[in-house]
Amino acid sequence: MNAAQALKLEIERTPEPLLQEVYDFLVFLKTRPNGLDRPVAAMGSDAISVTSPDFLARQKAIFGGRTVPDSQAILDDLRADRA
């Protein structure tokens, strides 16, 4: 029995609600950005963009303008290493 025959047999034995879930998942896989219809290599480099998190904005949102003296030196060192 090959894979196609085994799959057909399993489909025949599977309850209808479970088949609907499997079908929905298959549709999801085919329509996601790197799905079967559009491989990542064919999408080009513009399609995948990863933005860096804005740590300073997050820090300001959490702590406001308040800084602890000992943490400021660490932040300054981190900024200097980044530049």
N, C-alpha and C. Protein backbone atom coordinates (compact mmCIF):
# COMPACT_ATOMS: atom_id res chain seq x y z
N MET A 1 0.86 -1.18 0.00
CA MET A 1 0.00 0.00 0.00
C MET A 1 0.90 1.24 0.00
N ASN A 2 0.68 2.13 -0.97
CA ASN A 2 1.48 3.35 -1.02
C ASN A 2 0.84 4.44 -0.17
N ALA A 3 1.49 5.59 -0.10
CA ALA A 3 1.04 6.68 0.76
C ALA A 3 -0.34 7.20 0.34
N ALA A 4 -0.59 7.30 -0.95
CA ALA A 4 -1.88 7.81 -1.43
C ALA A 4 -3.01 6.87 -1.04
N GLN A 5 -2.79 5.57 -1.17
CA GLN A 5 -3.81 4.60 -0.79
C GLN A 5 -4.06 4.62 0.71
N ALA A 6 -2.99 4.73 1.49
CA ALA A 6 -3.12 4.78 2.95
C ALA A 6 -3.89 6.03 3.37
N LEU A 7 -3.61 7.15 2.71
CA LEU A 7 -4.31 8.39 3.03
C LEU A 7 -5.79 8.29 2.69
N LYS A 8 -6.11 7.72 1.54
CA LYS A 8 -7.52 7.54 1.16
C LYS A 8 -8.25 6.67 2.17
N LEU A 9 -7.61 5.62 2.63
CA LEU A 9 -8.22 4.74 3.62
C LEU A 9 -8.48 5.47 4.93
N GLU A 10 -7.51 6.27 5.37
CA GLU A 10 -7.69 7.05 6.60
C GLU A 10 -8.80 8.08 6.44
N ILE A 11 -8.90 8.71 5.29
CA ILE A 11 -9.96 9.69 5.04
C ILE A 11 -11.33 9.02 5.13
N GLU A 12 -11.46 7.83 4.59
CA GLU A 12 -12.72 7.11 4.64
C GLU A 12 -13.12 6.73 6.07
N ARG A 13 -12.15 6.52 6.94
CA ARG A 13 -12.42 6.11 8.33
C ARG A 13 -12.60 7.29 9.28
N THR A 14 -12.21 8.49 8.87
CA THR A 14 -12.19 9.65 9.75
C THR A 14 -13.58 10.29 9.83
N PRO A 15 -14.01 10.68 11.05
CA PRO A 15 -15.30 11.36 11.19
C PRO A 15 -15.31 12.72 10.47
N GLU A 16 -16.46 13.14 10.01
CA GLU A 16 -16.61 14.36 9.22
C GLU A 16 -16.10 15.62 9.94
N PRO A 17 -16.40 15.84 11.24
CA PRO A 17 -15.87 17.07 11.89
C PRO A 17 -14.36 17.15 11.88
N LEU A 18 -13.70 16.02 12.05
CA LEU A 18 -12.24 16.01 12.03
C LEU A 18 -11.71 16.29 10.62
N LEU A 19 -12.40 15.77 9.62
CA LEU A 19 -12.02 16.04 8.24
C LEU A 19 -12.11 17.53 7.92
N GLN A 20 -13.14 18.19 8.46
CA GLN A 20 -13.29 19.63 8.22
C GLN A 20 -12.12 20.39 8.83
N GLU A 21 -11.67 19.99 10.02
CA GLU A 21 -10.52 20.64 10.64
C GLU A 21 -9.24 20.43 9.82
N VAL A 22 -9.06 19.22 9.33
CA VAL A 22 -7.88 18.93 8.51
C VAL A 22 -7.92 19.75 7.22
N TYR A 23 -9.09 19.85 6.62
CA TYR A 23 -9.23 20.64 5.40
C TYR A 23 -8.94 22.12 5.67
N ASP A 24 -9.47 22.66 6.77
CA ASP A 24 -9.21 24.06 7.12
C ASP A 24 -7.71 24.29 7.33
N PHE A 25 -7.04 23.35 7.96
CA PHE A 25 -5.60 23.48 8.19
C PHE A 25 -4.83 23.45 6.87
N LEU A 26 -5.26 22.58 5.97
CA LEU A 26 -4.61 22.51 4.66
C LEU A 26 -4.77 23.82 3.89
N VAL A 27 -5.96 24.40 3.95
CA VAL A 27 -6.19 25.70 3.29
C VAL A 27 -5.31 26.77 3.92
N PHE A 28 -5.18 26.75 5.25
CA PHE A 28 -4.31 27.70 5.93
C PHE A 28 -2.87 27.56 5.46
N LEU A 29 -2.38 26.33 5.39
CA LEU A 29 -1.00 26.11 4.96
C LEU A 29 -0.76 26.61 3.54
N LYS A 30 -1.74 26.46 2.68
CA LYS A 30 -1.57 26.88 1.30
C LYS A 30 -1.66 28.39 1.12
N THR A 31 -2.33 29.08 2.03
CA THR A 31 -2.53 30.52 1.86
C THR A 31 -1.59 31.37 2.70
N ARG A 32 -0.81 30.79 3.58
CA ARG A 32 0.12 31.61 4.36
C ARG A 32 1.24 32.11 3.45
N PRO A 33 1.95 33.15 3.86
CA PRO A 33 2.94 33.78 2.97
C PRO A 33 3.96 32.83 2.38
N ASN A 34 4.42 31.85 3.09
CA ASN A 34 5.38 30.91 2.52
C ASN A 34 4.74 29.54 2.32
N GLY A 35 3.48 29.56 1.89
CA GLY A 35 2.73 28.34 1.67
C GLY A 35 3.20 27.58 0.44
N LEU A 36 2.49 26.54 0.12
CA LEU A 36 2.88 25.68 -0.99
C LEU A 36 2.77 26.39 -2.34
N ASP A 37 1.82 27.30 -2.46
CA ASP A 37 1.62 27.98 -3.74
C ASP A 37 2.70 29.01 -4.04
N ARG A 38 3.30 29.57 -2.99
CA ARG A 38 4.32 30.61 -3.19
C ARG A 38 5.52 30.32 -2.30
N PRO A 39 6.52 29.61 -2.80
CA PRO A 39 7.71 29.34 -1.99
C PRO A 39 8.44 30.63 -1.61
N VAL A 40 9.16 30.58 -0.52
CA VAL A 40 9.87 31.76 -0.02
C VAL A 40 10.85 32.29 -1.04
N ALA A 41 11.56 31.42 -1.74
CA ALA A 41 12.56 31.86 -2.72
C ALA A 41 11.91 32.64 -3.86
N ALA A 42 10.68 32.29 -4.22
CA ALA A 42 10.01 32.97 -5.33
C ALA A 42 9.38 34.29 -4.90
N MET A 43 9.25 34.52 -3.60
CA MET A 43 8.58 35.73 -3.12
C MET A 43 9.49 36.95 -3.19
N GLY A 44 10.77 36.75 -3.21
CA GLY A 44 11.69 37.88 -3.22
C GLY A 44 12.04 38.30 -1.81
N SER A 45 13.05 39.12 -1.69
CA SER A 45 13.51 39.52 -0.37
C SER A 45 12.64 40.59 0.25
N ASP A 46 11.81 41.28 -0.54
CA ASP A 46 10.96 42.33 0.00
C ASP A 46 9.79 41.77 0.80
N ALA A 47 9.40 40.55 0.52
CA ALA A 47 8.22 39.98 1.14
C ALA A 47 8.44 39.68 2.62
N ILE A 48 9.67 39.38 3.01
CA ILE A 48 9.95 39.05 4.39
C ILE A 48 10.75 40.21 5.01
N SER A 49 10.10 40.93 5.88
CA SER A 49 10.81 42.02 6.55
C SER A 49 10.64 41.86 8.05
N VAL A 50 11.74 41.91 8.73
CA VAL A 50 11.73 41.78 10.18
C VAL A 50 12.18 43.12 10.74
N THR A 51 11.33 43.71 11.55
CA THR A 51 11.69 44.99 12.15
C THR A 51 12.28 44.74 13.52
N SER A 52 13.28 45.51 13.86
CA SER A 52 13.90 45.39 15.16
C SER A 52 13.02 46.07 16.20
N PRO A 53 12.93 45.51 17.38
CA PRO A 53 12.13 46.14 18.42
C PRO A 53 12.79 47.43 18.89
N ASP A 54 11.99 48.39 19.24
CA ASP A 54 12.49 49.67 19.73
C ASP A 54 12.59 49.60 21.25
N PHE A 55 13.77 49.20 21.73
CA PHE A 55 13.95 49.00 23.15
C PHE A 55 13.85 50.29 23.94
N LEU A 56 14.32 51.37 23.37
CA LEU A 56 14.26 52.64 24.10
C LEU A 56 12.81 53.11 24.25
N ALA A 57 11.99 52.92 23.23
CA ALA A 57 10.58 53.31 23.33
C ALA A 57 9.87 52.42 24.36
N ARG A 58 10.22 51.15 24.36
CA ARG A 58 9.61 50.24 25.34
C ARG A 58 10.02 50.61 26.76
N GLN A 59 11.29 50.95 26.94
CA GLN A 59 11.77 51.36 28.25
C GLN A 59 11.04 52.61 28.72
N LYS A 60 10.87 53.57 27.80
CA LYS A 60 10.20 54.81 28.17
C LYS A 60 8.73 54.55 28.50
N ALA A 61 8.09 53.62 27.77
CA ALA A 61 6.70 53.30 28.05
C ALA A 61 6.54 52.64 29.41
N ILE A 62 7.50 51.82 29.79
CA ILE A 62 7.40 51.12 31.06
C ILE A 62 7.81 52.00 32.23
N PHE A 63 8.94 52.68 32.10
CA PHE A 63 9.52 53.41 33.23
C PHE A 63 9.35 54.91 33.14
N GLY A 64 8.91 55.40 31.99
CA GLY A 64 8.81 56.85 31.83
C GLY A 64 10.20 57.46 31.78
N GLY A 65 10.37 58.65 32.36
CA GLY A 65 11.67 59.30 32.37
C GLY A 65 12.52 58.89 33.55
N ARG A 66 12.00 58.01 34.38
CA ARG A 66 12.69 57.61 35.61
C ARG A 66 13.81 56.63 35.29
N THR A 67 15.01 56.95 35.70
CA THR A 67 16.13 56.04 35.56
C THR A 67 16.85 55.91 36.88
N VAL A 68 17.34 54.72 37.15
CA VAL A 68 18.10 54.46 38.36
C VAL A 68 19.56 54.72 38.03
N PRO A 69 20.31 55.41 38.90
CA PRO A 69 21.69 55.76 38.56
C PRO A 69 22.56 54.59 38.11
N ASP A 70 22.46 53.44 38.75
CA ASP A 70 23.32 52.33 38.37
C ASP A 70 22.90 51.72 37.01
N SER A 71 21.64 51.82 36.64
CA SER A 71 21.22 51.27 35.36
C SER A 71 21.62 52.18 34.20
N GLN A 72 21.79 53.45 34.45
CA GLN A 72 22.15 54.38 33.38
C GLN A 72 23.52 54.06 32.80
N ALA A 73 24.46 53.69 33.64
CA ALA A 73 25.80 53.34 33.15
C ALA A 73 25.74 52.10 32.25
N ILE A 74 24.94 51.13 32.63
CA ILE A 74 24.79 49.92 31.82
C ILE A 74 24.16 50.26 30.48
N LEU A 75 23.14 51.10 30.49
CA LEU A 75 22.49 51.50 29.25
C LEU A 75 23.45 52.27 28.35
N ASP A 76 24.25 53.14 28.92
CA ASP A 76 25.23 53.88 28.14
C ASP A 76 26.25 52.96 27.48
N ASP A 77 26.70 51.93 28.24
CA ASP A 77 27.64 50.97 27.69
C ASP A 77 27.00 50.19 26.54
N LEU A 78 25.76 49.78 26.71
CA LEU A 78 25.07 49.05 25.65
C LEU A 78 24.91 49.90 24.39
N ARG A 79 24.57 51.17 24.59
CA ARG A 79 24.44 52.07 23.43
C ARG A 79 25.78 52.27 22.73
N ALA A 80 26.85 52.36 23.50
CA ALA A 80 28.17 52.55 22.91
C ALA A 80 28.58 51.30 22.11
N ASP A 81 28.24 50.12 22.63
CA ASP A 81 28.56 48.89 21.89
C ASP A 81 27.77 48.76 20.62
N ARG A 82 26.58 49.33 20.58
CA ARG A 82 25.71 49.26 19.41
C ARG A 82 26.20 50.15 18.28
N ALA A 83 26.81 51.24 18.61
CA ALA A 83 27.24 52.21 17.61
C ALA A 83 28.46 51.79 16.85
